[in-house]
């Protein structure tokens, strides 16, 4: 049985070379492994109390969160500065700016309408 696009041979090529007898060939030995390093000193025991030089996980997480908050509060580039200005605006400031923009737009529309009328 073979590939339909393969060549067809009249003689059986699979059996043209001499074979091996069962148990006749030696199995290659695996490559030697590196030696396990020796552990010097005493290992740590599981459980028990905290050593005096270790930091509480909750305190370390709180300190990391404070550091991230301090870095995030610093404006980064042009967009960061614009965002900081928007965050500093109050509701009254935001509404007055929107009103000012709307008045300018209406004034520009009235001026364009006057020019087109004459």
N, C-alpha and C. Protein backbone atom coordinates (compact mmCIF):
# COMPACT_ATOMS: atom_id res chain seq x y z
N UNK A 1 0.85 -1.16 0.00
CA UNK A 1 0.00 0.00 0.00
C UNK A 1 0.90 1.22 0.00
N UNK A 2 0.55 2.24 -0.73
CA UNK A 2 1.39 3.42 -0.81
C UNK A 2 0.64 4.62 -1.31
N UNK A 3 1.40 5.60 -1.67
CA UNK A 3 0.84 6.85 -2.16
C UNK A 3 0.33 6.63 -3.58
N UNK A 4 -0.80 7.23 -3.93
CA UNK A 4 -1.33 7.04 -5.28
C UNK A 4 -0.49 7.76 -6.33
N UNK A 5 0.34 8.73 -5.91
CA UNK A 5 1.20 9.44 -6.86
C UNK A 5 2.63 8.93 -6.83
N UNK A 6 2.90 7.94 -6.03
CA UNK A 6 4.25 7.42 -5.91
C UNK A 6 4.60 6.50 -7.06
N UNK A 7 5.86 6.13 -7.11
CA UNK A 7 6.28 5.22 -8.17
C UNK A 7 5.93 3.79 -7.78
N UNK A 8 5.69 3.02 -8.75
CA UNK A 8 5.33 1.63 -8.52
C UNK A 8 6.57 0.78 -8.78
N UNK A 9 6.88 -0.05 -7.81
CA UNK A 9 8.05 -0.90 -8.00
C UNK A 9 7.60 -2.35 -8.08
N UNK A 10 8.27 -3.07 -8.94
CA UNK A 10 7.92 -4.47 -9.12
C UNK A 10 8.51 -5.33 -8.01
N UNK A 11 9.71 -4.97 -7.58
CA UNK A 11 10.32 -5.76 -6.50
C UNK A 11 10.04 -5.05 -5.18
N UNK A 12 9.96 -5.79 -4.16
CA UNK A 12 9.69 -5.22 -2.85
C UNK A 12 10.97 -4.62 -2.28
N UNK A 13 11.06 -3.27 -2.22
CA UNK A 13 12.28 -2.60 -1.76
C UNK A 13 12.42 -2.66 -0.25
N UNK A 14 11.34 -2.91 0.45
CA UNK A 14 11.41 -2.92 1.91
C UNK A 14 12.26 -4.07 2.44
N UNK A 15 12.37 -5.12 1.71
CA UNK A 15 13.07 -6.29 2.21
C UNK A 15 14.37 -6.55 1.47
N UNK A 16 14.96 -5.55 0.83
CA UNK A 16 16.19 -5.77 0.08
C UNK A 16 17.41 -5.73 0.97
N UNK A 17 17.34 -5.07 2.14
CA UNK A 17 18.49 -5.00 3.04
C UNK A 17 18.33 -6.07 4.11
N UNK A 18 19.46 -6.55 4.64
CA UNK A 18 19.34 -7.57 5.70
C UNK A 18 18.76 -6.96 6.96
N UNK A 19 17.95 -7.71 7.68
CA UNK A 19 17.32 -7.22 8.90
C UNK A 19 18.12 -7.57 10.14
N UNK A 20 17.57 -7.23 11.31
CA UNK A 20 18.21 -7.55 12.58
C UNK A 20 17.45 -8.67 13.26
N UNK A 21 18.18 -9.47 13.94
CA UNK A 21 17.55 -10.53 14.72
C UNK A 21 17.08 -9.93 16.04
N UNK A 22 16.06 -10.55 16.62
CA UNK A 22 15.54 -10.03 17.89
C UNK A 22 16.62 -10.17 18.94
N UNK A 23 16.91 -9.05 19.62
CA UNK A 23 17.94 -9.05 20.67
C UNK A 23 19.34 -9.02 20.12
N UNK A 24 19.50 -8.84 18.82
CA UNK A 24 20.82 -8.88 18.23
C UNK A 24 21.58 -7.56 18.34
N UNK A 25 20.88 -6.44 18.27
CA UNK A 25 21.56 -5.15 18.30
C UNK A 25 21.47 -4.57 19.70
N UNK A 26 22.53 -3.92 20.10
CA UNK A 26 22.57 -3.30 21.42
C UNK A 26 21.78 -1.99 21.40
N UNK A 27 21.04 -1.75 22.45
CA UNK A 27 20.27 -0.52 22.57
C UNK A 27 21.23 0.58 23.03
N UNK A 28 21.21 1.74 22.37
CA UNK A 28 22.14 2.80 22.79
C UNK A 28 21.80 3.29 24.21
N UNK A 29 22.84 3.54 25.00
CA UNK A 29 22.66 3.98 26.38
C UNK A 29 22.32 5.48 26.40
N UNK A 30 21.48 5.91 27.32
CA UNK A 30 21.13 7.33 27.39
C UNK A 30 22.34 8.17 27.82
N UNK A 31 22.30 9.43 27.44
CA UNK A 31 23.41 10.33 27.76
C UNK A 31 23.47 10.53 29.27
N UNK A 32 24.66 10.69 29.83
CA UNK A 32 24.78 10.88 31.28
C UNK A 32 24.15 12.21 31.70
N UNK A 33 23.48 12.20 32.86
CA UNK A 33 22.84 13.41 33.37
C UNK A 33 23.78 14.14 34.31
N UNK A 34 23.52 15.43 34.46
CA UNK A 34 24.33 16.23 35.37
C UNK A 34 24.00 15.84 36.80
N UNK A 35 24.98 15.96 37.67
CA UNK A 35 24.79 15.60 39.07
C UNK A 35 23.92 16.64 39.76
N UNK A 36 23.13 16.22 40.72
CA UNK A 36 22.28 17.13 41.49
C UNK A 36 23.17 17.93 42.44
N UNK A 37 23.03 19.26 42.47
CA UNK A 37 23.90 20.05 43.34
C UNK A 37 23.61 19.78 44.81
N UNK A 38 24.64 19.83 45.63
CA UNK A 38 24.51 19.61 47.06
C UNK A 38 23.97 20.88 47.71
N UNK A 39 23.08 20.72 48.66
CA UNK A 39 22.52 21.86 49.38
C UNK A 39 23.37 22.09 50.61
N UNK A 40 23.92 23.28 50.72
CA UNK A 40 24.74 23.60 51.88
C UNK A 40 23.91 24.43 52.85
N UNK A 41 24.11 24.24 54.09
CA UNK A 41 23.35 24.99 55.10
C UNK A 41 22.07 24.29 55.43
N UNK A 42 21.30 24.93 56.30
CA UNK A 42 20.06 24.32 56.75
C UNK A 42 18.90 24.89 55.95
N UNK A 43 17.95 24.09 55.61
CA UNK A 43 16.78 24.53 54.86
C UNK A 43 15.80 25.27 55.76
N UNK A 44 14.79 25.87 55.13
CA UNK A 44 13.78 26.59 55.89
C UNK A 44 12.63 25.65 56.22
N UNK A 45 12.07 25.81 57.38
CA UNK A 45 10.92 24.98 57.77
C UNK A 45 9.64 25.67 57.35
N UNK A 46 8.62 24.89 57.09
CA UNK A 46 7.33 25.43 56.70
C UNK A 46 6.54 25.83 57.93
N UNK A 47 5.70 26.89 57.75
CA UNK A 47 4.84 27.32 58.84
C UNK A 47 5.62 28.08 59.89
N UNK A 48 5.07 28.19 61.06
CA UNK A 48 5.76 28.87 62.14
C UNK A 48 5.56 30.37 62.06
N UNK A 49 6.25 31.09 62.90
CA UNK A 49 6.10 32.54 62.97
C UNK A 49 6.93 33.24 61.91
N UNK A 50 6.77 34.54 61.86
CA UNK A 50 7.53 35.36 60.92
C UNK A 50 8.89 35.67 61.50
N UNK A 51 9.85 35.72 60.64
CA UNK A 51 11.17 36.16 61.07
C UNK A 51 11.12 37.67 61.25
N UNK A 52 11.93 38.24 62.12
CA UNK A 52 11.83 39.68 62.39
C UNK A 52 12.19 40.56 61.19
N UNK A 53 12.95 40.06 60.24
CA UNK A 53 13.36 40.89 59.11
C UNK A 53 12.40 40.81 57.92
N UNK A 54 11.36 39.99 57.99
CA UNK A 54 10.42 39.91 56.88
C UNK A 54 9.36 40.99 57.01
N UNK A 55 8.82 41.42 55.87
CA UNK A 55 7.82 42.48 55.83
C UNK A 55 6.45 41.84 55.70
N UNK A 56 5.48 42.37 56.41
CA UNK A 56 4.12 41.88 56.32
C UNK A 56 3.62 42.07 54.89
N UNK A 57 2.94 41.09 54.34
CA UNK A 57 2.48 41.16 52.95
C UNK A 57 1.48 42.29 52.77
N UNK A 58 0.64 42.52 53.76
CA UNK A 58 -0.36 43.58 53.65
C UNK A 58 0.32 44.95 53.61
N UNK A 59 1.35 45.14 54.42
CA UNK A 59 2.07 46.41 54.44
C UNK A 59 2.82 46.62 53.12
N UNK A 60 3.39 45.55 52.58
CA UNK A 60 4.10 45.66 51.30
C UNK A 60 3.13 46.01 50.18
N UNK A 61 1.93 45.41 50.19
CA UNK A 61 0.93 45.71 49.16
C UNK A 61 0.45 47.16 49.28
N UNK A 62 0.28 47.64 50.50
CA UNK A 62 -0.15 49.02 50.70
C UNK A 62 0.92 49.99 50.21
N UNK A 63 2.18 49.69 50.50
CA UNK A 63 3.27 50.57 50.05
C UNK A 63 3.35 50.58 48.52
N UNK A 64 3.18 49.44 47.89
CA UNK A 64 3.21 49.37 46.43
C UNK A 64 2.05 50.15 45.82
N UNK A 65 0.86 50.07 46.44
CA UNK A 65 -0.30 50.82 45.93
C UNK A 65 -0.07 52.32 46.06
N UNK A 66 0.53 52.75 47.15
CA UNK A 66 0.83 54.18 47.31
C UNK A 66 1.83 54.65 46.26
N UNK A 67 2.83 53.84 45.97
CA UNK A 67 3.82 54.20 44.94
C UNK A 67 3.15 54.32 43.57
N UNK A 68 2.26 53.37 43.24
CA UNK A 68 1.56 53.44 41.95
C UNK A 68 0.68 54.67 41.87
N UNK A 69 0.00 55.01 42.96
CA UNK A 69 -0.87 56.18 42.97
C UNK A 69 -0.05 57.46 42.80
N UNK A 70 1.12 57.51 43.41
CA UNK A 70 1.97 58.70 43.28
C UNK A 70 2.47 58.85 41.85
N UNK A 71 2.81 57.73 41.22
CA UNK A 71 3.28 57.81 39.83
C UNK A 71 2.15 58.16 38.88
N UNK A 72 0.95 57.66 39.17
CA UNK A 72 -0.19 57.91 38.28
C UNK A 72 -0.65 59.36 38.37
N UNK A 73 -0.43 60.00 39.51
CA UNK A 73 -0.91 61.38 39.67
C UNK A 73 -0.05 62.37 38.90
N UNK A 74 1.13 61.99 38.51
CA UNK A 74 1.99 62.89 37.75
C UNK A 74 1.53 62.90 36.29
N UNK A 75 1.27 64.11 35.71
CA UNK A 75 0.83 64.16 34.32
C UNK A 75 1.94 63.69 33.38
N UNK A 76 1.53 62.96 32.36
CA UNK A 76 2.49 62.41 31.40
C UNK A 76 2.22 63.00 30.03
N UNK A 77 3.04 63.89 29.62
CA UNK A 77 2.94 64.44 28.27
C UNK A 77 1.80 65.42 28.11
N UNK A 78 1.53 65.73 26.87
CA UNK A 78 0.52 66.73 26.52
C UNK A 78 -0.89 66.29 26.93
N UNK A 79 -1.24 65.03 26.64
CA UNK A 79 -2.57 64.54 26.98
C UNK A 79 -2.76 64.41 28.49
N UNK A 80 -1.71 64.03 29.19
CA UNK A 80 -1.79 63.92 30.64
C UNK A 80 -2.02 65.27 31.29
N UNK A 81 -1.40 66.31 30.77
CA UNK A 81 -1.59 67.65 31.30
C UNK A 81 -3.01 68.13 31.03
N UNK A 82 -3.53 67.85 29.83
CA UNK A 82 -4.90 68.25 29.51
C UNK A 82 -5.90 67.52 30.41
N UNK A 83 -5.66 66.26 30.68
CA UNK A 83 -6.53 65.51 31.57
C UNK A 83 -6.47 66.05 32.99
N UNK A 84 -5.29 66.44 33.44
CA UNK A 84 -5.16 67.01 34.78
C UNK A 84 -5.93 68.32 34.88
N UNK A 85 -5.89 69.15 33.83
CA UNK A 85 -6.65 70.41 33.84
C UNK A 85 -8.15 70.13 33.91
N UNK A 86 -8.62 69.12 33.14
CA UNK A 86 -10.04 68.78 33.17
C UNK A 86 -10.46 68.25 34.53
N UNK A 87 -9.61 67.48 35.18
CA UNK A 87 -9.95 66.96 36.49
C UNK A 87 -10.02 68.07 37.54
N UNK A 88 -9.25 69.12 37.36
CA UNK A 88 -9.24 70.22 38.32
C UNK A 88 -10.46 71.11 38.18
N UNK A 89 -11.12 71.09 37.04
CA UNK A 89 -12.29 71.95 36.84
C UNK A 89 -13.45 71.48 37.70
N UNK A 90 -14.21 72.45 38.18
CA UNK A 90 -15.41 72.12 38.94
C UNK A 90 -16.58 72.01 37.97
N UNK A 91 -17.73 71.65 38.50
CA UNK A 91 -18.92 71.52 37.65
C UNK A 91 -19.33 72.88 37.10
N UNK A 92 -19.24 73.92 37.93
CA UNK A 92 -19.60 75.27 37.50
C UNK A 92 -18.65 75.73 36.39
N UNK A 93 -17.36 75.45 36.54
CA UNK A 93 -16.39 75.84 35.53
C UNK A 93 -16.65 75.14 34.21
N UNK A 94 -17.00 73.86 34.28
CA UNK A 94 -17.28 73.09 33.07
C UNK A 94 -18.52 73.63 32.36
N UNK A 95 -19.56 73.93 33.13
CA UNK A 95 -20.79 74.45 32.53
C UNK A 95 -20.58 75.84 31.94
N UNK A 96 -19.82 76.70 32.61
CA UNK A 96 -19.58 78.04 32.07
C UNK A 96 -18.75 77.98 30.78
N UNK A 97 -17.79 77.04 30.72
CA UNK A 97 -16.99 76.89 29.49
C UNK A 97 -17.87 76.39 28.34
N UNK A 98 -18.77 75.46 28.61
CA UNK A 98 -19.67 74.96 27.58
C UNK A 98 -20.61 76.06 27.10
N UNK A 99 -21.08 76.90 28.03
CA UNK A 99 -21.96 78.01 27.67
C UNK A 99 -21.21 79.02 26.80
N UNK A 100 -19.98 79.33 27.17
CA UNK A 100 -19.15 80.27 26.40
C UNK A 100 -18.94 79.74 24.98
N UNK A 101 -18.65 78.45 24.84
CA UNK A 101 -18.46 77.85 23.51
C UNK A 101 -19.74 77.93 22.68
N UNK A 102 -20.88 77.69 23.31
CA UNK A 102 -22.16 77.74 22.60
C UNK A 102 -22.47 79.16 22.13
N UNK A 103 -22.16 80.16 22.98
CA UNK A 103 -22.39 81.56 22.56
C UNK A 103 -21.50 81.93 21.38
N UNK A 104 -20.26 81.49 21.41
CA UNK A 104 -19.35 81.78 20.27
C UNK A 104 -19.87 81.13 18.99
N UNK A 105 -20.37 79.92 19.09
CA UNK A 105 -20.90 79.24 17.91
C UNK A 105 -22.13 79.97 17.36
N UNK A 106 -23.00 80.42 18.24
CA UNK A 106 -24.19 81.15 17.79
C UNK A 106 -23.80 82.48 17.15
N UNK A 107 -22.83 83.19 17.74
CA UNK A 107 -22.37 84.45 17.17
C UNK A 107 -21.78 84.23 15.78
N UNK A 108 -21.00 83.14 15.62
CA UNK A 108 -20.41 82.85 14.31
C UNK A 108 -21.50 82.51 13.30
N UNK A 109 -22.54 81.79 13.70
CA UNK A 109 -23.65 81.47 12.80
C UNK A 109 -24.41 82.72 12.39
N UNK A 110 -24.64 83.64 13.34
CA UNK A 110 -25.35 84.89 13.02
C UNK A 110 -24.53 85.75 12.06
N UNK A 111 -23.20 85.80 12.27
CA UNK A 111 -22.35 86.58 11.38
C UNK A 111 -22.36 85.98 9.97
N UNK A 112 -22.32 84.67 9.88
CA UNK A 112 -22.36 84.02 8.54
C UNK A 112 -23.68 84.26 7.86
N UNK A 113 -24.76 84.25 8.62
CA UNK A 113 -26.09 84.50 8.05
C UNK A 113 -26.21 85.94 7.57
N UNK A 114 -25.63 86.88 8.32
CA UNK A 114 -25.67 88.30 7.91
C UNK A 114 -24.87 88.52 6.63
N UNK A 115 -23.71 87.83 6.52
CA UNK A 115 -22.89 87.99 5.31
C UNK A 115 -23.63 87.43 4.10
N UNK A 116 -24.30 86.31 4.29
CA UNK A 116 -25.01 85.69 3.16
C UNK A 116 -26.27 86.49 2.77
N UNK A 117 -26.86 87.22 3.69
CA UNK A 117 -28.06 87.98 3.41
C UNK A 117 -27.75 89.19 2.51
N UNK A 118 -26.62 89.86 2.75
CA UNK A 118 -26.27 91.06 1.97
C UNK A 118 -25.66 90.73 0.68
